Amino acid sequence: MTSWQITRTVGGTFILLSLALGAPGSPIFHSVNWLWFTAFVGANFLQSGFSKWCLMEVIMRKLGARPGECQTQP
């Protein structure tokens, strides 16, 4: 997997997990404060979309993940 794929996979996992922990109707509900973590991850995705820079991708590359570009279909 490339660094951008790892970043999006981990970010999506964090969002789903924090929603499950923060939504009162969830079977694994813990506290509504987990929704702040959801907002934090979403804000980071938003800023990386505009700035084209993401700290997690930098970290993934330093850990050995190969850089890669998002593939688009013709």
N, C-alpha and C. Protein backbone atom coordinates (compact mmCIF):
# COMPACT_ATOMS: atom_id res chain seq x y z
N MET A 1 0.85 -1.19 0.00
CA MET A 1 0.00 0.00 0.00
C MET A 1 0.88 1.24 0.00
N THR A 2 0.39 2.28 -0.63
CA THR A 2 1.13 3.54 -0.65
C THR A 2 0.75 4.38 0.57
N SER A 3 1.53 5.43 0.80
CA SER A 3 1.31 6.27 1.98
C SER A 3 -0.08 6.91 1.98
N TRP A 4 -0.59 7.31 0.81
CA TRP A 4 -1.91 7.94 0.78
C TRP A 4 -3.00 6.92 1.07
N GLN A 5 -2.81 5.66 0.63
CA GLN A 5 -3.80 4.63 0.91
C GLN A 5 -3.84 4.30 2.41
N ILE A 6 -2.67 4.20 3.03
CA ILE A 6 -2.60 3.92 4.46
C ILE A 6 -3.25 5.06 5.25
N THR A 7 -2.94 6.30 4.88
CA THR A 7 -3.50 7.46 5.57
C THR A 7 -5.02 7.46 5.51
N ARG A 8 -5.58 7.23 4.36
CA ARG A 8 -7.04 7.24 4.22
C ARG A 8 -7.70 6.05 4.91
N THR A 9 -7.04 4.91 4.89
CA THR A 9 -7.57 3.73 5.57
C THR A 9 -7.58 3.93 7.08
N VAL A 10 -6.48 4.42 7.62
CA VAL A 10 -6.40 4.67 9.06
C VAL A 10 -7.38 5.79 9.46
N GLY A 11 -7.43 6.86 8.68
CA GLY A 11 -8.36 7.96 8.97
C GLY A 11 -9.81 7.51 8.96
N GLY A 12 -10.18 6.73 7.95
CA GLY A 12 -11.55 6.21 7.88
C GLY A 12 -11.88 5.30 9.05
N THR A 13 -10.91 4.47 9.44
CA THR A 13 -11.09 3.59 10.59
C THR A 13 -11.28 4.40 11.87
N PHE A 14 -10.46 5.45 12.04
CA PHE A 14 -10.59 6.31 13.22
C PHE A 14 -11.97 6.98 13.26
N ILE A 15 -12.43 7.45 12.12
CA ILE A 15 -13.74 8.11 12.08
C ILE A 15 -14.85 7.14 12.46
N LEU A 16 -14.85 5.95 11.86
CA LEU A 16 -15.91 4.98 12.16
C LEU A 16 -15.86 4.52 13.61
N LEU A 17 -14.66 4.27 14.13
CA LEU A 17 -14.53 3.83 15.51
C LEU A 17 -14.97 4.92 16.50
N SER A 18 -14.54 6.16 16.25
CA SER A 18 -14.91 7.24 17.17
C SER A 18 -16.41 7.54 17.09
N LEU A 19 -17.02 7.37 15.92
CA LEU A 19 -18.47 7.53 15.83
C LEU A 19 -19.18 6.43 16.61
N ALA A 20 -18.68 5.19 16.50
CA ALA A 20 -19.29 4.09 17.25
C ALA A 20 -19.16 4.30 18.75
N LEU A 21 -18.04 4.87 19.19
CA LEU A 21 -17.83 5.12 20.62
C LEU A 21 -18.59 6.36 21.11
N GLY A 22 -18.93 7.28 20.19
CA GLY A 22 -19.55 8.54 20.59
C GLY A 22 -21.04 8.66 20.33
N ALA A 23 -21.59 7.78 19.51
CA ALA A 23 -23.02 7.85 19.19
C ALA A 23 -23.83 7.12 20.26
N PRO A 24 -24.77 7.81 20.93
CA PRO A 24 -25.52 7.20 22.02
C PRO A 24 -26.27 5.92 21.66
N GLY A 25 -26.65 5.74 20.42
CA GLY A 25 -27.39 4.53 20.02
C GLY A 25 -26.49 3.35 19.70
N SER A 26 -25.19 3.53 19.74
CA SER A 26 -24.25 2.47 19.39
C SER A 26 -24.13 1.43 20.49
N PRO A 27 -23.96 0.15 20.11
CA PRO A 27 -23.79 -0.88 21.14
C PRO A 27 -22.47 -0.76 21.91
N ILE A 28 -21.48 -0.02 21.36
CA ILE A 28 -20.22 0.16 22.08
C ILE A 28 -20.04 1.60 22.55
N PHE A 29 -21.16 2.31 22.72
CA PHE A 29 -21.13 3.70 23.17
C PHE A 29 -20.34 3.82 24.47
N HIS A 30 -19.49 4.85 24.51
CA HIS A 30 -18.72 5.12 25.73
C HIS A 30 -18.97 6.53 26.23
N SER A 31 -18.78 7.53 25.36
CA SER A 31 -18.97 8.93 25.75
C SER A 31 -19.15 9.77 24.50
N VAL A 32 -20.01 10.79 24.59
CA VAL A 32 -20.20 11.67 23.43
C VAL A 32 -18.95 12.48 23.12
N ASN A 33 -18.01 12.54 24.04
CA ASN A 33 -16.77 13.28 23.81
C ASN A 33 -15.92 12.65 22.71
N TRP A 34 -16.16 11.39 22.36
CA TRP A 34 -15.45 10.77 21.24
C TRP A 34 -15.76 11.48 19.92
N LEU A 35 -16.87 12.18 19.86
CA LEU A 35 -17.23 12.90 18.63
C LEU A 35 -16.25 14.03 18.34
N TRP A 36 -15.56 14.54 19.38
CA TRP A 36 -14.52 15.54 19.15
C TRP A 36 -13.37 14.95 18.34
N PHE A 37 -13.05 13.69 18.58
CA PHE A 37 -12.00 13.02 17.81
C PHE A 37 -12.42 12.87 16.35
N THR A 38 -13.71 12.55 16.13
CA THR A 38 -14.25 12.46 14.78
C THR A 38 -14.07 13.80 14.05
N ALA A 39 -14.41 14.89 14.74
CA ALA A 39 -14.27 16.23 14.15
C ALA A 39 -12.80 16.55 13.86
N PHE A 40 -11.90 16.16 14.74
CA PHE A 40 -10.46 16.40 14.54
C PHE A 40 -9.95 15.69 13.29
N VAL A 41 -10.30 14.43 13.13
CA VAL A 41 -9.86 13.68 11.95
C VAL A 41 -10.46 14.28 10.68
N GLY A 42 -11.73 14.64 10.72
CA GLY A 42 -12.38 15.26 9.57
C GLY A 42 -11.74 16.59 9.20
N ALA A 43 -11.40 17.39 10.20
CA ALA A 43 -10.74 18.67 9.94
C ALA A 43 -9.36 18.47 9.31
N ASN A 44 -8.65 17.44 9.75
CA ASN A 44 -7.35 17.14 9.15
C ASN A 44 -7.48 16.70 7.70
N PHE A 45 -8.50 15.89 7.40
CA PHE A 45 -8.76 15.51 6.01
C PHE A 45 -9.06 16.76 5.17
N LEU A 46 -9.86 17.66 5.72
CA LEU A 46 -10.24 18.88 5.01
C LEU A 46 -9.01 19.75 4.72
N GLN A 47 -8.17 19.99 5.73
CA GLN A 47 -6.99 20.83 5.51
C GLN A 47 -6.02 20.18 4.55
N SER A 48 -5.88 18.85 4.58
CA SER A 48 -4.95 18.20 3.65
C SER A 48 -5.49 18.26 2.22
N GLY A 49 -6.79 18.32 2.07
CA GLY A 49 -7.37 18.46 0.73
C GLY A 49 -7.05 19.81 0.11
N PHE A 50 -6.99 20.85 0.94
CA PHE A 50 -6.67 22.18 0.42
C PHE A 50 -5.18 22.42 0.32
N SER A 51 -4.42 21.96 1.31
CA SER A 51 -2.99 22.26 1.35
C SER A 51 -2.14 21.22 0.62
N LYS A 52 -2.72 20.04 0.34
CA LYS A 52 -2.00 18.92 -0.29
C LYS A 52 -0.81 18.48 0.56
N TRP A 53 -0.91 18.65 1.89
CA TRP A 53 0.11 18.21 2.83
C TRP A 53 -0.57 17.53 4.00
N CYS A 54 -0.04 16.37 4.38
CA CYS A 54 -0.61 15.63 5.50
C CYS A 54 0.52 15.05 6.34
N LEU A 55 0.52 15.38 7.62
CA LEU A 55 1.57 14.91 8.52
C LEU A 55 1.63 13.39 8.58
N MET A 56 0.48 12.74 8.58
CA MET A 56 0.50 11.28 8.67
C MET A 56 1.16 10.65 7.45
N GLU A 57 0.96 11.22 6.28
CA GLU A 57 1.64 10.69 5.08
C GLU A 57 3.14 10.85 5.20
N VAL A 58 3.59 11.96 5.75
CA VAL A 58 5.03 12.18 5.97
C VAL A 58 5.56 11.10 6.91
N ILE A 59 4.82 10.84 7.98
CA ILE A 59 5.24 9.83 8.95
C ILE A 59 5.26 8.45 8.30
N MET A 60 4.25 8.12 7.51
CA MET A 60 4.19 6.82 6.85
C MET A 60 5.38 6.63 5.91
N ARG A 61 5.75 7.68 5.19
CA ARG A 61 6.91 7.59 4.29
C ARG A 61 8.20 7.37 5.07
N LYS A 62 8.33 8.04 6.21
CA LYS A 62 9.53 7.84 7.04
C LYS A 62 9.58 6.44 7.63
N LEU A 63 8.41 5.81 7.80
CA LEU A 63 8.35 4.45 8.31
C LEU A 63 8.54 3.42 7.20
N GLY A 64 8.68 3.88 5.97
CA GLY A 64 8.98 2.97 4.87
C GLY A 64 7.89 2.76 3.84
N ALA A 65 6.72 3.37 4.02
CA ALA A 65 5.66 3.23 3.01
C ALA A 65 6.08 3.98 1.76
N ARG A 66 5.80 3.39 0.63
CA ARG A 66 6.19 4.07 -0.62
C ARG A 66 5.20 5.18 -0.94
N PRO A 67 5.73 6.29 -1.43
CA PRO A 67 4.81 7.37 -1.83
C PRO A 67 4.06 6.97 -3.07
N GLY A 68 2.90 7.53 -3.24
CA GLY A 68 2.10 7.21 -4.41
C GLY A 68 1.04 8.27 -4.61
N GLU A 69 0.59 8.35 -5.84
CA GLU A 69 -0.46 9.29 -6.18
C GLU A 69 -1.79 8.56 -6.27
N CYS A 70 -2.83 9.28 -6.03
CA CYS A 70 -4.18 8.74 -6.15
C CYS A 70 -4.43 8.41 -7.62
N GLN A 71 -4.84 7.19 -7.89
CA GLN A 71 -5.09 6.77 -9.27
C GLN A 71 -6.49 7.21 -9.69
N THR A 72 -6.59 7.83 -10.86
CA THR A 72 -7.90 8.24 -11.37
C THR A 72 -8.20 7.43 -12.60
N GLN A 73 -9.46 7.14 -12.81
CA GLN A 73 -9.89 6.38 -13.97
C GLN A 73 -10.08 7.32 -15.15
N PRO A 74 -9.69 6.91 -16.36
CA PRO A 74 -9.88 7.78 -17.53
C PRO A 74 -11.32 7.96 -17.91
